[in-house]
C-alpha atoms as a PDB file:
ATOM      1  CA  MET A   1      15.849 -75.150 255.111  1.00  0.00           C
ATOM      2  CA  PRO A   2      17.544 -72.588 257.395  1.00  0.00           C
ATOM      3  CA  LEU A   3      17.882 -69.177 255.799  1.00  0.00           C
ATOM      4  CA  MET A   4      21.622 -69.096 256.405  1.00  0.00           C
ATOM      5  CA  ASN A   5      21.838 -71.703 253.628  1.00  0.00           C
ATOM      6  CA  LYS A   6      23.404 -69.979 250.620  1.00  0.00           C
ATOM      7  CA  LEU A   7      20.744 -71.313 248.224  1.00  0.00           C
ATOM      8  CA  ALA A   8      17.939 -68.793 247.891  1.00  0.00           C
ATOM      9  CA  PRO A   9      14.767 -70.169 249.541  1.00  0.00           C
ATOM     10  CA  THR A  10      11.411 -70.095 247.786  1.00  0.00           C
ATOM     11  CA  PRO A  11       8.700 -67.807 249.204  1.00  0.00           C
ATOM     12  CA  GLU A  12       6.955 -70.862 250.689  1.00  0.00           C
ATOM     13  CA  GLN A  13      10.159 -72.068 252.308  1.00  0.00           C
ATOM     14  CA  ARG A  14      10.756 -68.599 253.708  1.00  0.00           C
ATOM     15  CA  ARG A  15       7.266 -68.497 255.238  1.00  0.00           C
ATOM     16  CA  GLU A  16       7.702 -71.954 256.781  1.00  0.00           C
ATOM     17  CA  GLU A  17      11.068 -70.977 258.223  1.00  0.00           C
ATOM     18  CA  TRP A  18       9.782 -67.841 259.887  1.00  0.00           C
ATOM     19  CA  VAL A  19       6.934 -69.858 261.418  1.00  0.00           C
ATOM     20  CA  ARG A  20       9.512 -72.223 262.965  1.00  0.00           C
ATOM     21  CA  LEU A  21      11.415 -69.265 264.325  1.00  0.00           C
ATOM     22  CA  ALA A  22       8.340 -67.560 265.740  1.00  0.00           C
ATOM     23  CA  VAL A  23       6.653 -70.420 267.592  1.00  0.00           C
ATOM     24  CA  PRO A  24       7.521 -71.295 271.201  1.00  0.00           C
ATOM     25  CA  GLY A  25      10.962 -72.850 271.048  1.00  0.00           C
ATOM     26  CA  GLY A  26      11.988 -70.587 268.199  1.00  0.00           C
ATOM     27  CA  PHE A  27      15.100 -69.431 270.036  1.00  0.00           C
ATOM     28  CA  LEU A  28      16.381 -73.001 270.349  1.00  0.00           C
ATOM     29  CA  TYR A  29      15.722 -73.535 266.632  1.00  0.00           C
ATOM     30  CA  PHE A  30      17.625 -70.319 265.925  1.00  0.00           C
ATOM     31  CA  LEU A  31      20.605 -71.513 267.988  1.00  0.00           C
ATOM     32  CA  GLU A  32      20.736 -74.932 266.351  1.00  0.00           C
ATOM     33  CA  ASN A  33      20.247 -73.821 262.743  1.00  0.00           C
ATOM     34  CA  TYR A  34      21.482 -70.268 262.315  1.00  0.00           C
ATOM     35  CA  VAL A  35      24.137 -69.273 264.794  1.00  0.00           C
ATOM     36  CA  LYS A  36      27.893 -69.307 264.277  1.00  0.00           C
ATOM     37  CA  ILE A  37      30.488 -68.385 266.887  1.00  0.00           C
ATOM     38  CA  GLU A  38      34.241 -67.832 267.027  1.00  0.00           C
ATOM     39  CA  ASP A  39      36.252 -70.650 268.593  1.00  0.00           C
ATOM     40  CA  GLN A  40      39.888 -69.939 269.467  1.00  0.00           C
ATOM     41  CA  ALA A  41      41.060 -73.292 268.140  1.00  0.00           C
ATOM     42  CA  ARG A  42      38.613 -73.937 265.283  1.00  0.00           C
ATOM     43  CA  GLY A  43      37.696 -70.486 263.979  1.00  0.00           C
ATOM     44  CA  THR A  44      34.094 -69.757 262.965  1.00  0.00           C
ATOM     45  CA  ILE A  45      31.918 -72.767 263.772  1.00  0.00           C
ATOM     46  CA  PRO A  46      28.208 -73.547 264.273  1.00  0.00           C
ATOM     47  CA  PHE A  47      27.026 -72.977 267.833  1.00  0.00           C
ATOM     48  CA  GLU A  48      27.134 -76.181 269.891  1.00  0.00           C
ATOM     49  CA  LEU A  49      23.948 -76.432 271.946  1.00  0.00           C
ATOM     50  CA  TRP A  50      24.791 -78.225 275.184  1.00  0.00           C
ATOM     51  CA  PRO A  51      22.107 -79.468 277.625  1.00  0.00           C
ATOM     52  CA  CYS A  52      22.980 -76.661 280.062  1.00  0.00           C
ATOM     53  CA  HIS A  53      22.398 -74.133 277.257  1.00  0.00           C
ATOM     54  CA  GLN A  54      19.055 -75.715 276.420  1.00  0.00           C
ATOM     55  CA  ARG A  55      17.898 -75.546 280.040  1.00  0.00           C
ATOM     56  CA  ALA A  56      18.976 -71.919 280.240  1.00  0.00           C
ATOM     57  CA  ALA A  57      17.212 -71.076 276.969  1.00  0.00           C
ATOM     58  CA  GLU A  58      14.000 -72.718 278.161  1.00  0.00           C
ATOM     59  CA  ALA A  59      14.107 -70.691 281.387  1.00  0.00           C
ATOM     60  CA  LEU A  60      14.810 -67.480 279.488  1.00  0.00           C
ATOM     61  CA  ALA A  61      11.782 -68.145 277.284  1.00  0.00           C
ATOM     62  CA  LYS A  62       9.260 -68.391 280.119  1.00  0.00           C
ATOM     63  CA  GLU A  63      10.555 -66.528 283.190  1.00  0.00           C
ATOM     64  CA  LYS A  64      10.652 -62.791 283.883  1.00  0.00           C
ATOM     65  CA  LEU A  65      13.205 -62.683 286.704  1.00  0.00           C
ATOM     66  CA  ILE A  66      16.103 -65.106 286.313  1.00  0.00           C
ATOM     67  CA  VAL A  67      19.277 -65.506 288.347  1.00  0.00           C
ATOM     68  CA  VAL A  68      21.953 -67.911 287.107  1.00  0.00           C
ATOM     69  CA  LEU A  69      24.837 -69.117 289.263  1.00  0.00           C
ATOM     70  CA  LYS A  70      27.407 -70.381 286.795  1.00  0.00           C
ATOM     71  CA  ALA A  71      30.924 -71.695 286.431  1.00  0.00           C
ATOM     72  CA  ARG A  72      33.385 -69.893 284.180  1.00  0.00           C
ATOM     73  CA  GLN A  73      33.597 -70.643 280.465  1.00  0.00           C
ATOM     74  CA  THR A  74      30.315 -72.511 280.157  1.00  0.00           C
ATOM     75  CA  GLY A  75      29.005 -70.482 277.204  1.00  0.00           C
ATOM     76  CA  LEU A  76      26.192 -68.768 279.105  1.00  0.00           C
ATOM     77  CA  SER A  77      27.322 -65.258 278.149  1.00  0.00           C
ATOM     78  CA  SER A  78      27.085 -66.312 274.503  1.00  0.00           C
ATOM     79  CA  VAL A  79      23.583 -67.687 275.095  1.00  0.00           C
ATOM     80  CA  ILE A  80      22.266 -64.419 276.541  1.00  0.00           C
ATOM     81  CA  ALA A  81      23.858 -62.415 273.715  1.00  0.00           C
ATOM     82  CA  LEU A  82      22.268 -64.709 271.130  1.00  0.00           C
ATOM     83  CA  GLU A  83      18.892 -64.533 272.860  1.00  0.00           C
ATOM     84  CA  ALA A  84      19.064 -60.751 272.588  1.00  0.00           C
ATOM     85  CA  LEU A  85      19.883 -61.081 268.892  1.00  0.00           C
ATOM     86  CA  TYR A  86      17.022 -63.519 268.329  1.00  0.00           C
ATOM     87  CA  TYR A  87      14.477 -61.094 269.793  1.00  0.00           C
ATOM     88  CA  ALA A  88      15.999 -58.125 267.993  1.00  0.00           C
ATOM     89  CA  LEU A  89      15.541 -59.918 264.673  1.00  0.00           C
ATOM     90  CA  HIS A  90      12.042 -61.219 265.360  1.00  0.00           C
ATOM     91  CA  ARG A  91      10.335 -58.578 267.520  1.00  0.00           C
ATOM     92  CA  PRO A  92      10.085 -55.035 266.157  1.00  0.00           C
ATOM     93  CA  TYR A  93      11.195 -52.315 268.580  1.00  0.00           C
ATOM     94  CA  ASP A  94      12.644 -54.809 271.034  1.00  0.00           C
ATOM     95  CA  ARG A  95      15.331 -53.203 273.220  1.00  0.00           C
ATOM     96  CA  THR A  96      18.011 -55.136 275.087  1.00  0.00           C
ATOM     97  CA  LEU A  97      20.419 -53.701 277.643  1.00  0.00           C
ATOM     98  CA  PHE A  98      23.569 -55.567 278.691  1.00  0.00           C
ATOM     99  CA  VAL A  99      25.516 -54.380 281.720  1.00  0.00           C
ATOM    100  CA  SER A 100      29.072 -55.657 282.225  1.00  0.00           C
ATOM    101  CA  ARG A 101      31.818 -54.810 284.686  1.00  0.00           C
ATOM    102  CA  ASN A 102      34.003 -52.990 282.127  1.00  0.00           C
ATOM    103  CA  GLU A 103      34.043 -51.689 278.551  1.00  0.00           C
ATOM    104  CA  LYS A 104      36.009 -54.658 277.200  1.00  0.00           C
ATOM    105  CA  LEU A 105      33.441 -57.202 278.397  1.00  0.00           C
ATOM    106  CA  ALA A 106      30.554 -54.994 277.250  1.00  0.00           C
ATOM    107  CA  ALA A 107      32.068 -54.880 273.754  1.00  0.00           C
ATOM    108  CA  LEU A 108      32.595 -58.658 273.823  1.00  0.00           C
ATOM    109  CA  LEU A 109      28.854 -59.291 274.201  1.00  0.00           C
ATOM    110  CA  ILE A 110      28.197 -57.051 271.186  1.00  0.00           C
ATOM    111  CA  SER A 111      30.845 -58.963 269.222  1.00  0.00           C
ATOM    112  CA  TYR A 112      29.021 -62.262 269.872  1.00  0.00           C
ATOM    113  CA  CYS A 113      25.961 -60.763 268.195  1.00  0.00           C
ATOM    114  CA  GLN A 114      27.987 -59.319 265.299  1.00  0.00           C
ATOM    115  CA  ILE A 115      29.615 -62.677 264.546  1.00  0.00           C
ATOM    116  CA  ALA A 116      26.209 -64.378 264.562  1.00  0.00           C
ATOM    117  CA  VAL A 117      24.729 -61.741 262.239  1.00  0.00           C
ATOM    118  CA  ALA A 118      27.641 -62.187 259.822  1.00  0.00           C
ATOM    119  CA  GLY A 119      26.767 -65.876 259.571  1.00  0.00           C
ATOM    120  CA  LEU A 120      23.192 -65.228 258.462  1.00  0.00           C
ATOM    121  CA  ARG A 121      22.226 -65.329 254.817  1.00  0.00           C
ATOM    122  CA  ASP A 122      20.486 -61.961 255.086  1.00  0.00           C
ATOM    123  CA  THR A 123      22.636 -59.449 256.972  1.00  0.00           C
ATOM    124  CA  SER A 124      20.710 -56.394 255.784  1.00  0.00           C
ATOM    125  CA  GLN A 125      18.595 -56.305 258.951  1.00  0.00           C
ATOM    126  CA  LEU A 126      21.547 -54.821 260.854  1.00  0.00           C
ATOM    127  CA  VAL A 127      21.612 -51.148 259.826  1.00  0.00           C
ATOM    128  CA  SER A 128      24.037 -49.630 262.338  1.00  0.00           C
ATOM    129  CA  GLU A 129      26.727 -51.016 264.624  1.00  0.00           C
ATOM    130  CA  SER A 130      29.363 -49.914 267.101  1.00  0.00           C
ATOM    131  CA  GLN A 131      31.181 -51.482 270.051  1.00  0.00           C
ATOM    132  CA  SER A 132      28.284 -50.580 272.312  1.00  0.00           C
ATOM    133  CA  LYS A 133      25.161 -50.627 270.145  1.00  0.00           C
ATOM    134  CA  LEU A 134      23.478 -52.537 267.329  1.00  0.00           C
ATOM    135  CA  VAL A 135      20.452 -51.097 265.508  1.00  0.00           C
ATOM    136  CA  PHE A 136      18.134 -53.155 263.297  1.00  0.00           C
ATOM    137  CA  ALA A 137      15.838 -52.265 260.421  1.00  0.00           C
ATOM    138  CA  ASN A 138      12.732 -53.226 262.420  1.00  0.00           C
ATOM    139  CA  GLY A 139      13.488 -50.633 265.106  1.00  0.00           C
ATOM    140  CA  SER A 140      15.052 -53.077 267.583  1.00  0.00           C
ATOM    141  CA  GLU A 141      18.380 -52.393 269.238  1.00  0.00           C
ATOM    142  CA  ILE A 142      20.948 -54.015 271.511  1.00  0.00           C
ATOM    143  CA  VAL A 143      22.941 -51.778 273.856  1.00  0.00           C
ATOM    144  CA  SER A 144      25.901 -53.016 275.903  1.00  0.00           C
ATOM    145  CA  LEU A 145      27.412 -50.764 278.571  1.00  0.00           C
ATOM    146  CA  PRO A 146      29.931 -50.926 281.409  1.00  0.00           C
ATOM    147  CA  ALA A 147      28.630 -50.475 284.927  1.00  0.00           C
ATOM    148  CA  ASN A 148      28.446 -46.969 286.352  1.00  0.00           C
ATOM    149  CA  PRO A 149      25.998 -45.329 288.780  1.00  0.00           C
ATOM    150  CA  ALA A 150      23.686 -44.169 285.975  1.00  0.00           C
ATOM    151  CA  THR A 151      23.827 -47.227 283.674  1.00  0.00           C
ATOM    152  CA  GLY A 152      20.335 -48.110 282.452  1.00  0.00           C
ATOM    153  CA  ARG A 153      18.561 -45.190 284.098  1.00  0.00           C
ATOM    154  CA  GLY A 154      15.887 -43.916 281.729  1.00  0.00           C
ATOM    155  CA  TYR A 155      16.506 -46.557 279.058  1.00  0.00           C
ATOM    156  CA  PRO A 156      13.211 -48.278 278.016  1.00  0.00           C
ATOM    157  CA  ALA A 157      14.554 -51.832 277.845  1.00  0.00           C
ATOM    158  CA  SER A 158      12.454 -54.876 276.986  1.00  0.00           C
ATOM    159  CA  ARG A 159      15.062 -57.096 278.641  1.00  0.00           C
ATOM    160  CA  VAL A 160      18.098 -56.465 280.820  1.00  0.00           C
ATOM    161  CA  TYR A 161      21.084 -58.729 281.461  1.00  0.00           C
ATOM    162  CA  LEU A 162      23.601 -58.161 284.254  1.00  0.00           C
ATOM    163  CA  ASP A 163      26.655 -60.215 283.303  1.00  0.00           C
ATOM    164  CA  GLU A 164      29.100 -61.299 286.044  1.00  0.00           C
ATOM    165  CA  ALA A 165      26.833 -59.440 288.442  1.00  0.00           C
ATOM    166  CA  ALA A 166      28.771 -60.375 291.596  1.00  0.00           C
ATOM    167  CA  PHE A 167      31.662 -58.292 290.267  1.00  0.00           C
ATOM    168  CA  LEU A 168      29.647 -55.219 289.188  1.00  0.00           C
ATOM    169  CA  MET A 169      30.351 -51.930 290.878  1.00  0.00           C
ATOM    170  CA  TYR A 170      27.201 -49.922 291.622  1.00  0.00           C
ATOM    171  CA  ALA A 171      24.987 -53.022 291.257  1.00  0.00           C
ATOM    172  CA  GLU A 172      22.395 -51.695 293.698  1.00  0.00           C
ATOM    173  CA  LEU A 173      22.199 -48.314 291.930  1.00  0.00           C
ATOM    174  CA  ILE A 174      21.892 -50.006 288.546  1.00  0.00           C
ATOM    175  CA  MET A 175      19.049 -52.199 289.797  1.00  0.00           C
ATOM    176  CA  GLN A 176      17.325 -49.139 291.202  1.00  0.00           C
ATOM    177  CA  GLY A 177      17.700 -47.320 287.892  1.00  0.00           C
ATOM    178  CA  ILE A 178      16.211 -50.103 285.790  1.00  0.00           C
ATOM    179  CA  ALA A 179      13.380 -50.992 288.189  1.00  0.00           C
ATOM    180  CA  PRO A 180      10.772 -49.250 285.960  1.00  0.00           C
ATOM    181  CA  THR A 181      11.654 -51.705 283.169  1.00  0.00           C
ATOM    182  CA  LEU A 182      10.685 -54.602 285.432  1.00  0.00           C
ATOM    183  CA  SER A 183       7.496 -52.948 286.663  1.00  0.00           C
ATOM    184  CA  ASN A 184       6.355 -52.500 283.044  1.00  0.00           C
ATOM    185  CA  GLY A 185       6.703 -56.198 282.220  1.00  0.00           C
ATOM    186  CA  GLY A 186      10.323 -56.344 281.141  1.00  0.00           C
ATOM    187  CA  GLN A 187      12.614 -59.309 281.686  1.00  0.00           C
ATOM    188  CA  MET A 188      15.788 -59.344 283.765  1.00  0.00           C
ATOM    189  CA  THR A 189      18.500 -61.988 283.812  1.00  0.00           C
ATOM    190  CA  VAL A 190      21.308 -61.766 286.365  1.00  0.00           C
ATOM    191  CA  LEU A 191      24.183 -64.208 285.981  1.00  0.00           C
ATOM    192  CA  SER A 192      27.566 -64.606 287.610  1.00  0.00           C
ATOM    193  CA  THR A 193      30.177 -66.763 289.204  1.00  0.00           C
ATOM    194  CA  PRO A 194      30.154 -66.216 293.000  1.00  0.00           C
ATOM    195  CA  LYS A 195      32.255 -63.597 294.760  1.00  0.00           C
ATOM    196  CA  GLY A 196      31.538 -64.037 298.451  1.00  0.00           C
ATOM    197  CA  GLN A 197      28.242 -63.361 300.197  1.00  0.00           C
ATOM    198  CA  HIS A 198      28.356 -59.586 300.546  1.00  0.00           C
ATOM    199  CA  ASN A 199      26.982 -58.392 297.205  1.00  0.00           C
ATOM    200  CA  LEU A 200      23.672 -58.038 295.422  1.00  0.00           C
ATOM    201  CA  PHE A 201      24.098 -61.178 293.331  1.00  0.00           C
ATOM    202  CA  ALA A 202      24.586 -63.325 296.450  1.00  0.00           C
ATOM    203  CA  ARG A 203      21.532 -61.793 298.104  1.00  0.00           C
ATOM    204  CA  LEU A 204      19.388 -62.427 295.023  1.00  0.00           C
ATOM    205  CA  TRP A 205      20.594 -66.012 294.787  1.00  0.00           C
ATOM    206  CA  MET A 206      19.960 -66.677 298.473  1.00  0.00           C
ATOM    207  CA  GLY A 207      16.507 -65.081 298.338  1.00  0.00           C
ATOM    208  CA  VAL A 208      17.367 -62.400 300.882  1.00  0.00           C
ATOM    209  CA  GLU A 209      15.940 -59.662 298.656  1.00  0.00           C
ATOM    210  CA  GLY A 210      14.692 -58.898 295.182  1.00  0.00           C
ATOM    211  CA  GLY A 211      11.346 -60.629 294.788  1.00  0.00           C
ATOM    212  CA  ASP A 212      10.378 -63.900 293.132  1.00  0.00           C
ATOM    213  CA  TRP A 213      13.367 -65.030 291.059  1.00  0.00           C
ATOM    214  CA  SER A 214      13.759 -68.231 289.086  1.00  0.00           C
ATOM    215  CA  ARG A 215      17.128 -69.705 290.106  1.00  0.00           C
ATOM    216  CA  HIS A 216      19.377 -71.894 287.951  1.00  0.00           C
ATOM    217  CA  ARG A 217      22.826 -73.458 288.495  1.00  0.00           C
ATOM    218  CA  VAL A 218      25.414 -74.353 285.861  1.00  0.00           C
ATOM    219  CA  HIS A 219      28.266 -76.260 287.524  1.00  0.00           C
ATOM    220  CA  TRP A 220      31.502 -77.093 285.698  1.00  0.00           C
ATOM    221  CA  SER A 221      30.336 -80.728 285.522  1.00  0.00           C
ATOM    222  CA  ASP A 222      27.327 -79.594 283.426  1.00  0.00           C
ATOM    223  CA  CYS A 223      29.692 -78.454 280.671  1.00  0.00           C
ATOM    224  CA  PRO A 224      30.856 -81.098 278.154  1.00  0.00           C
ATOM    225  CA  ARG A 225      34.262 -79.473 277.749  1.00  0.00           C
ATOM    226  CA  TYR A 226      35.137 -80.271 281.385  1.00  0.00           C
ATOM    227  CA  THR A 227      35.951 -83.786 282.639  1.00  0.00           C
ATOM    228  CA  PRO A 228      36.776 -85.220 286.090  1.00  0.00           C
ATOM    229  CA  GLU A 229      40.393 -85.494 284.911  1.00  0.00           C
ATOM    230  CA  TRP A 230      40.362 -81.807 283.967  1.00  0.00           C
ATOM    231  CA  ALA A 231      38.934 -80.930 287.397  1.00  0.00           C
ATOM    232  CA  GLU A 232      41.585 -82.923 289.250  1.00  0.00           C
ATOM    233  CA  ARG A 233      44.366 -81.319 287.238  1.00  0.00           C
ATOM    234  CA  THR A 234      42.947 -77.798 287.539  1.00  0.00           C
ATOM    235  CA  ARG A 235      42.355 -78.062 291.282  1.00  0.00           C
ATOM    236  CA  ALA A 236      46.042 -78.881 291.676  1.00  0.00           C
ATOM    237  CA  GLU A 237      46.998 -75.819 289.642  1.00  0.00           C
ATOM    238  CA  MET A 238      44.732 -73.312 291.412  1.00  0.00           C
ATOM    239  CA  THR A 239      44.156 -72.238 295.003  1.00  0.00           C
ATOM    240  CA  ARG A 240      41.067 -73.611 296.709  1.00  0.00           C
ATOM    241  CA  GLN A 241      39.590 -70.149 296.762  1.00  0.00           C
ATOM    242  CA  ALA A 242      40.151 -69.603 293.047  1.00  0.00           C
ATOM    243  CA  PHE A 243      38.649 -72.968 292.020  1.00  0.00           C
ATOM    244  CA  ALA A 244      35.695 -72.423 294.372  1.00  0.00           C
ATOM    245  CA  GLU A 245      35.021 -69.038 292.813  1.00  0.00           C
ATOM    246  CA  GLU A 246      35.565 -69.916 289.178  1.00  0.00           C
ATOM    247  CA  PHE A 247      34.084 -73.399 288.935  1.00  0.00           C
ATOM    248  CA  ASP A 248      32.554 -74.871 292.121  1.00  0.00           C
ATOM    249  CA  LEU A 249      29.796 -72.277 292.737  1.00  0.00           C
ATOM    250  CA  ASP A 250      30.923 -71.896 296.354  1.00  0.00           C
ATOM    251  CA  PHE A 251      29.883 -68.544 297.853  1.00  0.00           C
ATOM    252  CA  ALA A 252      31.554 -69.171 301.212  1.00  0.00           C
ATOM    253  CA  ALA A 253      34.977 -70.178 299.927  1.00  0.00           C
ATOM    254  CA  SER A 254      34.963 -67.612 297.113  1.00  0.00           C
ATOM    255  CA  GLY A 255      34.723 -64.713 299.533  1.00  0.00           C
ATOM    256  CA  ASP A 256      37.301 -65.778 302.111  1.00  0.00           C
ATOM    257  CA  ALA A 257      41.010 -66.330 301.971  1.00  0.00           C
ATOM    258  CA  VAL A 258      41.730 -70.046 302.022  1.00  0.00           C
ATOM    259  CA  PHE A 259      45.226 -71.358 302.644  1.00  0.00           C
ATOM    260  CA  ASP A 260      46.697 -74.809 302.170  1.00  0.00           C
ATOM    261  CA  LEU A 261      48.424 -75.959 305.359  1.00  0.00           C
ATOM    262  CA  ASP A 262      50.745 -78.557 303.851  1.00  0.00           C
END
């Protein structure tokens, strides 16, 4: 019986539940049984675990260096925020650092975690919160910051996420600043839609630099909310360049001006 159920669990049920959460695959169990999110049309709803989310979660559970090339609005930013929350709740002194391209998006990742915490039966584990930081009773914390030349430098993170990395200013300096986290066994996940070939995200994806990364694609067609009819309609409404960048995972078209000749 998931602990977000409003009926108080017995001590035995509580022990069994924490075992389910702790074993390999515990994050997927957490997503399916505990997490609620805000949907613009439906309000607060249980998290819908799509196959692309499951594949991403499985990669996050076993890889140290992960790069994800993704279409827009596929729920992957929510998945990384919820993974950070899962580890914060279940690993004492775990420290997560999110880096986003601006303060608004950095605060949005924190809000995903706050909404999920509010849906839990026991919310007392969260002892301090702001738009940029969550602190938990077990000593864990989640920090979410906008990109600047010093972001992450000196912060002892267990895991680092660079969200929409192709659009980050100072990406190379940020990577340099957090390199000690990786050398000490930390995990890094870099995810983005493409923005041409002349940025750090593109070079990591193409294997030009950065070491041994596990690479994963999430195309618009992997997302249940998108259909071929939606794609046909949206292509007609957008420029080729915009659709290539936002949904088709096309590095070449996303970085060059493309004009219709008709």
